[in-house]
Amino acid sequence: MKISVSNISALASIEHLKNLFSEFGFVKSIFFLDRLHHQCLVTMDETIDGENAIKYLDRSIFIGQSISVSKVRLIK
């Protein structure tokens, strides 16, 4: 499952994000889309793990900032 994360602190690293999302399941990959705008894409192994991560992490405080966490929706 692909998850969009935005409003990430400039101090956050891929390792910080991996530790955060690993609490919910196996993290396949993390990729910064735009460091300037503090956005990244997290890929979780299982859909249920991604849904739980979204449920508990959306609007949570991470390294001093409220992050936005949502499912990536593909445009057809």
PDB file of N, CA and C in Angstrom:
ATOM      1  N   MET A   1       0.833  -1.169   0.000  1.00  0.00           N
ATOM      2  CA  MET A   1       0.000   0.000   0.000  1.00  0.00           C
ATOM      3  C   MET A   1       0.878   1.233   0.000  1.00  0.00           C
ATOM      4  N   LYS A   2       0.558   2.173  -0.872  1.00  0.00           N
ATOM      5  CA  LYS A   2       1.318   3.421  -0.954  1.00  0.00           C
ATOM      6  C   LYS A   2       0.630   4.502  -0.126  1.00  0.00           C
ATOM      7  N   ILE A   3       1.443   5.202   0.670  1.00  0.00           N
ATOM      8  CA  ILE A   3       0.946   6.221   1.582  1.00  0.00           C
ATOM      9  C   ILE A   3       1.696   7.524   1.326  1.00  0.00           C
ATOM     10  N   SER A   4       0.933   8.603   1.254  1.00  0.00           N
ATOM     11  CA  SER A   4       1.503   9.938   1.101  1.00  0.00           C
ATOM     12  C   SER A   4       1.641  10.575   2.477  1.00  0.00           C
ATOM     13  N   VAL A   5       2.802  11.162   2.741  1.00  0.00           N
ATOM     14  CA  VAL A   5       3.041  11.847   4.006  1.00  0.00           C
ATOM     15  C   VAL A   5       3.521  13.258   3.678  1.00  0.00           C
ATOM     16  N   SER A   6       2.864  14.240   4.263  1.00  0.00           N
ATOM     17  CA  SER A   6       3.272  15.622   4.007  1.00  0.00           C
ATOM     18  C   SER A   6       3.414  16.402   5.307  1.00  0.00           C
ATOM     19  N   ASN A   7       4.012  17.572   5.193  1.00  0.00           N
ATOM     20  CA  ASN A   7       4.324  18.461   6.310  1.00  0.00           C
ATOM     21  C   ASN A   7       5.343  17.823   7.261  1.00  0.00           C
ATOM     22  N   ILE A   8       6.300  17.118   6.671  1.00  0.00           N
ATOM     23  CA  ILE A   8       7.349  16.451   7.445  1.00  0.00           C
ATOM     24  C   ILE A   8       8.410  17.484   7.841  1.00  0.00           C
ATOM     25  N   SER A   9       8.866  17.400   9.069  1.00  0.00           N
ATOM     26  CA  SER A   9       9.920  18.287   9.551  1.00  0.00           C
ATOM     27  C   SER A   9      11.171  18.150   8.684  1.00  0.00           C
ATOM     28  N   ALA A  10      11.846  19.252   8.464  1.00  0.00           N
ATOM     29  CA  ALA A  10      13.109  19.243   7.708  1.00  0.00           C
ATOM     30  C   ALA A  10      14.168  18.419   8.440  1.00  0.00           C
ATOM     31  N   LEU A  11      13.972  18.189   9.727  1.00  0.00           N
ATOM     32  CA  LEU A  11      14.927  17.408  10.521  1.00  0.00           C
ATOM     33  C   LEU A  11      14.728  15.900  10.366  1.00  0.00           C
ATOM     34  N   ALA A  12      13.595  15.489   9.783  1.00  0.00           N
ATOM     35  CA  ALA A  12      13.280  14.065   9.661  1.00  0.00           C
ATOM     36  C   ALA A  12      14.116  13.398   8.566  1.00  0.00           C
ATOM     37  N   SER A  13      14.567  12.202   8.864  1.00  0.00           N
ATOM     38  CA  SER A  13      15.322  11.413   7.894  1.00  0.00           C
ATOM     39  C   SER A  13      14.486  10.207   7.467  1.00  0.00           C
ATOM     40  N   ILE A  14      14.962   9.507   6.468  1.00  0.00           N
ATOM     41  CA  ILE A  14      14.294   8.278   6.051  1.00  0.00           C
ATOM     42  C   ILE A  14      14.281   7.285   7.215  1.00  0.00           C
ATOM     43  N   GLU A  15      15.347   7.238   7.975  1.00  0.00           N
ATOM     44  CA  GLU A  15      15.409   6.327   9.126  1.00  0.00           C
ATOM     45  C   GLU A  15      14.354   6.683  10.168  1.00  0.00           C
ATOM     46  N   HIS A  16      14.170   7.985  10.440  1.00  0.00           N
ATOM     47  CA  HIS A  16      13.111   8.404  11.374  1.00  0.00           C
ATOM     48  C   HIS A  16      11.744   7.908  10.901  1.00  0.00           C
ATOM     49  N   LEU A  17      11.466   8.111   9.614  1.00  0.00           N
ATOM     50  CA  LEU A  17      10.173   7.705   9.051  1.00  0.00           C
ATOM     51  C   LEU A  17      10.009   6.193   9.072  1.00  0.00           C
ATOM     52  N   LYS A  18      11.081   5.483   8.757  1.00  0.00           N
ATOM     53  CA  LYS A  18      11.015   4.017   8.778  1.00  0.00           C
ATOM     54  C   LYS A  18      10.698   3.519  10.186  1.00  0.00           C
ATOM     55  N   ASN A  19      11.329   4.108  11.184  1.00  0.00           N
ATOM     56  CA  ASN A  19      11.050   3.718  12.570  1.00  0.00           C
ATOM     57  C   ASN A  19       9.599   3.996  12.940  1.00  0.00           C
ATOM     58  N   LEU A  20       9.066   5.136  12.503  1.00  0.00           N
ATOM     59  CA  LEU A  20       7.683   5.501  12.797  1.00  0.00           C
ATOM     60  C   LEU A  20       6.702   4.525  12.162  1.00  0.00           C
ATOM     61  N   PHE A  21       6.847   4.272  10.861  1.00  0.00           N
ATOM     62  CA  PHE A  21       5.897   3.425  10.149  1.00  0.00           C
ATOM     63  C   PHE A  21       6.096   1.936  10.446  1.00  0.00           C
ATOM     64  N   SER A  22       7.282   1.532  10.851  1.00  0.00           N
ATOM     65  CA  SER A  22       7.545   0.126  11.170  1.00  0.00           C
ATOM     66  C   SER A  22       6.752  -0.353  12.380  1.00  0.00           C
ATOM     67  N   GLU A  23       6.270   0.579  13.184  1.00  0.00           N
ATOM     68  CA  GLU A  23       5.427   0.207  14.323  1.00  0.00           C
ATOM     69  C   GLU A  23       4.134  -0.464  13.852  1.00  0.00           C
ATOM     70  N   PHE A  24       3.771  -0.259  12.581  1.00  0.00           N
ATOM     71  CA  PHE A  24       2.510  -0.771  12.048  1.00  0.00           C
ATOM     72  C   PHE A  24       2.693  -1.961  11.105  1.00  0.00           C
ATOM     73  N   GLY A  25       3.928  -2.259  10.713  1.00  0.00           N
ATOM     74  CA  GLY A  25       4.181  -3.382   9.820  1.00  0.00           C
ATOM     75  C   GLY A  25       5.444  -3.156   9.011  1.00  0.00           C
ATOM     76  N   PHE A  26       5.682  -4.060   8.076  1.00  0.00           N
ATOM     77  CA  PHE A  26       6.892  -4.010   7.262  1.00  0.00           C
ATOM     78  C   PHE A  26       6.829  -2.862   6.254  1.00  0.00           C
ATOM     79  N   VAL A  27       7.860  -2.027   6.259  1.00  0.00           N
ATOM     80  CA  VAL A  27       7.964  -0.903   5.326  1.00  0.00           C
ATOM     81  C   VAL A  27       8.828  -1.344   4.152  1.00  0.00           C
ATOM     82  N   LYS A  28       8.232  -1.380   2.954  1.00  0.00           N
ATOM     83  CA  LYS A  28       8.979  -1.778   1.755  1.00  0.00           C
ATOM     84  C   LYS A  28       9.943  -0.693   1.312  1.00  0.00           C
ATOM     85  N   SER A  29       9.452   0.559   1.294  1.00  0.00           N
ATOM     86  CA  SER A  29      10.315   1.654   0.839  1.00  0.00           C
ATOM     87  C   SER A  29       9.795   2.997   1.327  1.00  0.00           C
ATOM     88  N   ILE A  30      10.708   3.957   1.359  1.00  0.00           N
ATOM     89  CA  ILE A  30      10.374   5.350   1.662  1.00  0.00           C
ATOM     90  C   ILE A  30      11.155   6.204   0.684  1.00  0.00           C
ATOM     91  N   PHE A  31      10.453   7.132   0.082  1.00  0.00           N
ATOM     92  CA  PHE A  31      11.070   7.981  -0.940  1.00  0.00           C
ATOM     93  C   PHE A  31      10.605   9.414  -0.734  1.00  0.00           C
ATOM     94  N   PHE A  32      11.556  10.344  -0.575  1.00  0.00           N
ATOM     95  CA  PHE A  32      11.187  11.756  -0.482  1.00  0.00           C
ATOM     96  C   PHE A  32      10.799  12.254  -1.861  1.00  0.00           C
ATOM     97  N   LEU A  33       9.566  12.742  -1.990  1.00  0.00           N
ATOM     98  CA  LEU A  33       9.094  13.300  -3.259  1.00  0.00           C
ATOM     99  C   LEU A  33       9.607  14.719  -3.435  1.00  0.00           C
ATOM    100  N   ASP A  34       9.598  15.472  -2.350  1.00  0.00           N
ATOM    101  CA  ASP A  34       9.970  16.886  -2.429  1.00  0.00           C
ATOM    102  C   ASP A  34      10.439  17.326  -1.050  1.00  0.00           C
ATOM    103  N   ARG A  35      11.735  17.387  -0.880  1.00  0.00           N
ATOM    104  CA  ARG A  35      12.287  17.795   0.415  1.00  0.00           C
ATOM    105  C   ARG A  35      11.904  19.230   0.750  1.00  0.00           C
ATOM    106  N   LEU A  36      11.822  20.075  -0.268  1.00  0.00           N
ATOM    107  CA  LEU A  36      11.481  21.476  -0.061  1.00  0.00           C
ATOM    108  C   LEU A  36      10.081  21.625   0.532  1.00  0.00           C
ATOM    109  N   HIS A  37       9.143  20.808   0.054  1.00  0.00           N
ATOM    110  CA  HIS A  37       7.766  20.864   0.545  1.00  0.00           C
ATOM    111  C   HIS A  37       7.463  19.765   1.559  1.00  0.00           C
ATOM    112  N   HIS A  38       8.514  19.055   1.970  1.00  0.00           N
ATOM    113  CA  HIS A  38       8.414  18.090   3.062  1.00  0.00           C
ATOM    114  C   HIS A  38       7.383  16.991   2.799  1.00  0.00           C
ATOM    115  N   GLN A  39       7.500  16.342   1.645  1.00  0.00           N
ATOM    116  CA  GLN A  39       6.578  15.266   1.277  1.00  0.00           C
ATOM    117  C   GLN A  39       7.354  13.986   0.969  1.00  0.00           C
ATOM    118  N   CYS A  40       6.741  12.844   1.312  1.00  0.00           N
ATOM    119  CA  CYS A  40       7.355  11.576   0.957  1.00  0.00           C
ATOM    120  C   CYS A  40       6.288  10.533   0.662  1.00  0.00           C
ATOM    121  N   LEU A  41       6.739   9.439   0.097  1.00  0.00           N
ATOM    122  CA  LEU A  41       5.880   8.315  -0.232  1.00  0.00           C
ATOM    123  C   LEU A  41       6.409   7.105   0.542  1.00  0.00           C
ATOM    124  N   VAL A  42       5.514   6.464   1.297  1.00  0.00           N
ATOM    125  CA  VAL A  42       5.861   5.274   2.071  1.00  0.00           C
ATOM    126  C   VAL A  42       5.105   4.096   1.465  1.00  0.00           C
ATOM    127  N   THR A  43       5.794   2.993   1.223  1.00  0.00           N
ATOM    128  CA  THR A  43       5.143   1.790   0.721  1.00  0.00           C
ATOM    129  C   THR A  43       5.191   0.732   1.809  1.00  0.00           C
ATOM    130  N   MET A  44       3.989   0.310   2.226  1.00  0.00           N
ATOM    131  CA  MET A  44       3.855  -0.727   3.252  1.00  0.00           C
ATOM    132  C   MET A  44       3.575  -2.056   2.565  1.00  0.00           C
ATOM    133  N   ASP A  45       4.026  -3.147   3.186  1.00  0.00           N
ATOM    134  CA  ASP A  45       3.862  -4.475   2.616  1.00  0.00           C
ATOM    135  C   ASP A  45       2.400  -4.921   2.579  1.00  0.00           C
ATOM    136  N   GLU A  46       1.663  -4.667   3.644  1.00  0.00           N
ATOM    137  CA  GLU A  46       0.278  -5.119   3.753  1.00  0.00           C
ATOM    138  C   GLU A  46      -0.684  -3.939   3.814  1.00  0.00           C
ATOM    139  N   THR A  47      -1.814  -4.052   3.123  1.00  0.00           N
ATOM    140  CA  THR A  47      -2.824  -2.989   3.104  1.00  0.00           C
ATOM    141  C   THR A  47      -3.330  -2.673   4.501  1.00  0.00           C
ATOM    142  N   ILE A  48      -3.614  -3.680   5.301  1.00  0.00           N
ATOM    143  CA  ILE A  48      -4.139  -3.450   6.654  1.00  0.00           C
ATOM    144  C   ILE A  48      -3.147  -2.674   7.502  1.00  0.00           C
ATOM    145  N   ASP A  49      -1.848  -2.930   7.319  1.00  0.00           N
ATOM    146  CA  ASP A  49      -0.821  -2.201   8.062  1.00  0.00           C
ATOM    147  C   ASP A  49      -0.816  -0.731   7.651  1.00  0.00           C
ATOM    148  N   GLY A  50      -0.950  -0.485   6.359  1.00  0.00           N
ATOM    149  CA  GLY A  50      -1.007   0.885   5.862  1.00  0.00           C
ATOM    150  C   GLY A  50      -2.230   1.618   6.368  1.00  0.00           C
ATOM    151  N   GLU A  51      -3.367   0.939   6.377  1.00  0.00           N
ATOM    152  CA  GLU A  51      -4.603   1.559   6.869  1.00  0.00           C
ATOM    153  C   GLU A  51      -4.481   1.913   8.350  1.00  0.00           C
ATOM    154  N   ASN A  52      -3.865   1.034   9.130  1.00  0.00           N
ATOM    155  CA  ASN A  52      -3.655   1.328  10.548  1.00  0.00           C
ATOM    156  C   ASN A  52      -2.700   2.499  10.737  1.00  0.00           C
ATOM    157  N   ALA A  53      -1.642   2.543   9.954  1.00  0.00           N
ATOM    158  CA  ALA A  53      -0.695   3.657  10.035  1.00  0.00           C
ATOM    159  C   ALA A  53      -1.405   4.974   9.730  1.00  0.00           C
ATOM    160  N   ILE A  54      -2.229   4.993   8.691  1.00  0.00           N
ATOM    161  CA  ILE A  54      -2.974   6.205   8.339  1.00  0.00           C
ATOM    162  C   ILE A  54      -3.897   6.601   9.485  1.00  0.00           C
ATOM    163  N   LYS A  55      -4.627   5.631  10.025  1.00  0.00           N
ATOM    164  CA  LYS A  55      -5.589   5.897  11.100  1.00  0.00           C
ATOM    165  C   LYS A  55      -4.919   6.542  12.309  1.00  0.00           C
ATOM    166  N   TYR A  56      -3.767   6.028  12.696  1.00  0.00           N
ATOM    167  CA  TYR A  56      -3.118   6.504  13.916  1.00  0.00           C
ATOM    168  C   TYR A  56      -2.121   7.647  13.709  1.00  0.00           C
ATOM    169  N   LEU A  57      -1.589   7.798  12.508  1.00  0.00           N
ATOM    170  CA  LEU A  57      -0.552   8.817  12.309  1.00  0.00           C
ATOM    171  C   LEU A  57      -1.057  10.114  11.668  1.00  0.00           C
ATOM    172  N   ASP A  58      -2.190  10.059  10.962  1.00  0.00           N
ATOM    173  CA  ASP A  58      -2.688  11.285  10.341  1.00  0.00           C
ATOM    174  C   ASP A  58      -2.968  12.336  11.415  1.00  0.00           C
ATOM    175  N   ARG A  59      -2.423  13.513  11.206  1.00  0.00           N
ATOM    176  CA  ARG A  59      -2.553  14.664  12.119  1.00  0.00           C
ATOM    177  C   ARG A  59      -1.844  14.459  13.456  1.00  0.00           C
ATOM    178  N   SER A  60      -0.919  13.495  13.495  1.00  0.00           N
ATOM    179  CA  SER A  60      -0.128  13.310  14.717  1.00  0.00           C
ATOM    180  C   SER A  60       1.097  14.222  14.670  1.00  0.00           C
ATOM    181  N   ILE A  61       1.718  14.425  15.808  1.00  0.00           N
ATOM    182  CA  ILE A  61       2.922  15.255  15.889  1.00  0.00           C
ATOM    183  C   ILE A  61       4.137  14.346  15.709  1.00  0.00           C
ATOM    184  N   PHE A  62       4.955  14.702  14.733  1.00  0.00           N
ATOM    185  CA  PHE A  62       6.167  13.943  14.426  1.00  0.00           C
ATOM    186  C   PHE A  62       7.318  14.931  14.270  1.00  0.00           C
ATOM    187  N   ILE A  63       8.280  14.837  15.142  1.00  0.00           N
ATOM    188  CA  ILE A  63       9.427  15.744  15.202  1.00  0.00           C
ATOM    189  C   ILE A  63       8.936  17.205  15.182  1.00  0.00           C
ATOM    190  N   GLY A  64       7.968  17.478  16.058  1.00  0.00           N
ATOM    191  CA  GLY A  64       7.513  18.845  16.274  1.00  0.00           C
ATOM    192  C   GLY A  64       6.521  19.401  15.266  1.00  0.00           C
ATOM    193  N   GLN A  65       6.064  18.593  14.310  1.00  0.00           N
ATOM    194  CA  GLN A  65       5.116  19.086  13.314  1.00  0.00           C
ATOM    195  C   GLN A  65       3.967  18.109  13.146  1.00  0.00           C
ATOM    196  N   SER A  66       2.789  18.653  12.869  1.00  0.00           N
ATOM    197  CA  SER A  66       1.615  17.831  12.600  1.00  0.00           C
ATOM    198  C   SER A  66       1.711  17.323  11.159  1.00  0.00           C
ATOM    199  N   ILE A  67       1.791  16.001  11.009  1.00  0.00           N
ATOM    200  CA  ILE A  67       1.923  15.432   9.666  1.00  0.00           C
ATOM    201  C   ILE A  67       0.558  15.026   9.110  1.00  0.00           C
ATOM    202  N   SER A  68       0.473  15.035   7.804  1.00  0.00           N
ATOM    203  CA  SER A  68      -0.718  14.576   7.098  1.00  0.00           C
ATOM    204  C   SER A  68      -0.366  13.240   6.444  1.00  0.00           C
ATOM    205  N   VAL A  69      -1.169  12.217   6.726  1.00  0.00           N
ATOM    206  CA  VAL A  69      -0.895  10.865   6.233  1.00  0.00           C
ATOM    207  C   VAL A  69      -2.156  10.357   5.534  1.00  0.00           C
ATOM    208  N   SER A  70      -2.030   9.961   4.267  1.00  0.00           N
ATOM    209  CA  SER A  70      -3.205   9.507   3.520  1.00  0.00           C
ATOM    210  C   SER A  70      -2.815   8.455   2.470  1.00  0.00           C
ATOM    211  N   LYS A  71      -3.824   7.712   2.044  1.00  0.00           N
ATOM    212  CA  LYS A  71      -3.630   6.699   1.009  1.00  0.00           C
ATOM    213  C   LYS A  71      -3.419   7.396  -0.336  1.00  0.00           C
ATOM    214  N   VAL A  72      -2.479   6.882  -1.108  1.00  0.00           N
ATOM    215  CA  VAL A  72      -2.251   7.411  -2.453  1.00  0.00           C
ATOM    216  C   VAL A  72      -3.351   6.874  -3.355  1.00  0.00           C
ATOM    217  N   ARG A  73      -4.014   7.779  -4.039  1.00  0.00           N
ATOM    218  CA  ARG A  73      -5.069   7.392  -4.975  1.00  0.00           C
ATOM    219  C   ARG A  73      -4.571   7.618  -6.383  1.00  0.00           C
ATOM    220  N   LEU A  74      -4.584   6.548  -7.168  1.00  0.00           N
ATOM    221  CA  LEU A  74      -4.118   6.639  -8.540  1.00  0.00           C
ATOM    222  C   LEU A  74      -5.237   7.198  -9.427  1.00  0.00           C
ATOM    223  N   ILE A  75      -4.875   8.105 -10.296  1.00  0.00           N
ATOM    224  CA  ILE A  75      -5.824   8.695 -11.236  1.00  0.00           C
ATOM    225  C   ILE A  75      -5.817   7.862 -12.502  1.00  0.00           C
ATOM    226  N   LYS A  76      -6.993   7.445 -12.929  1.00  0.00           N
ATOM    227  CA  LYS A  76      -7.082   6.614 -14.137  1.00  0.00           C
ATOM    228  C   LYS A  76      -7.449   7.468 -15.330  1.00  0.00           C
TER     229      LYS A  76
END
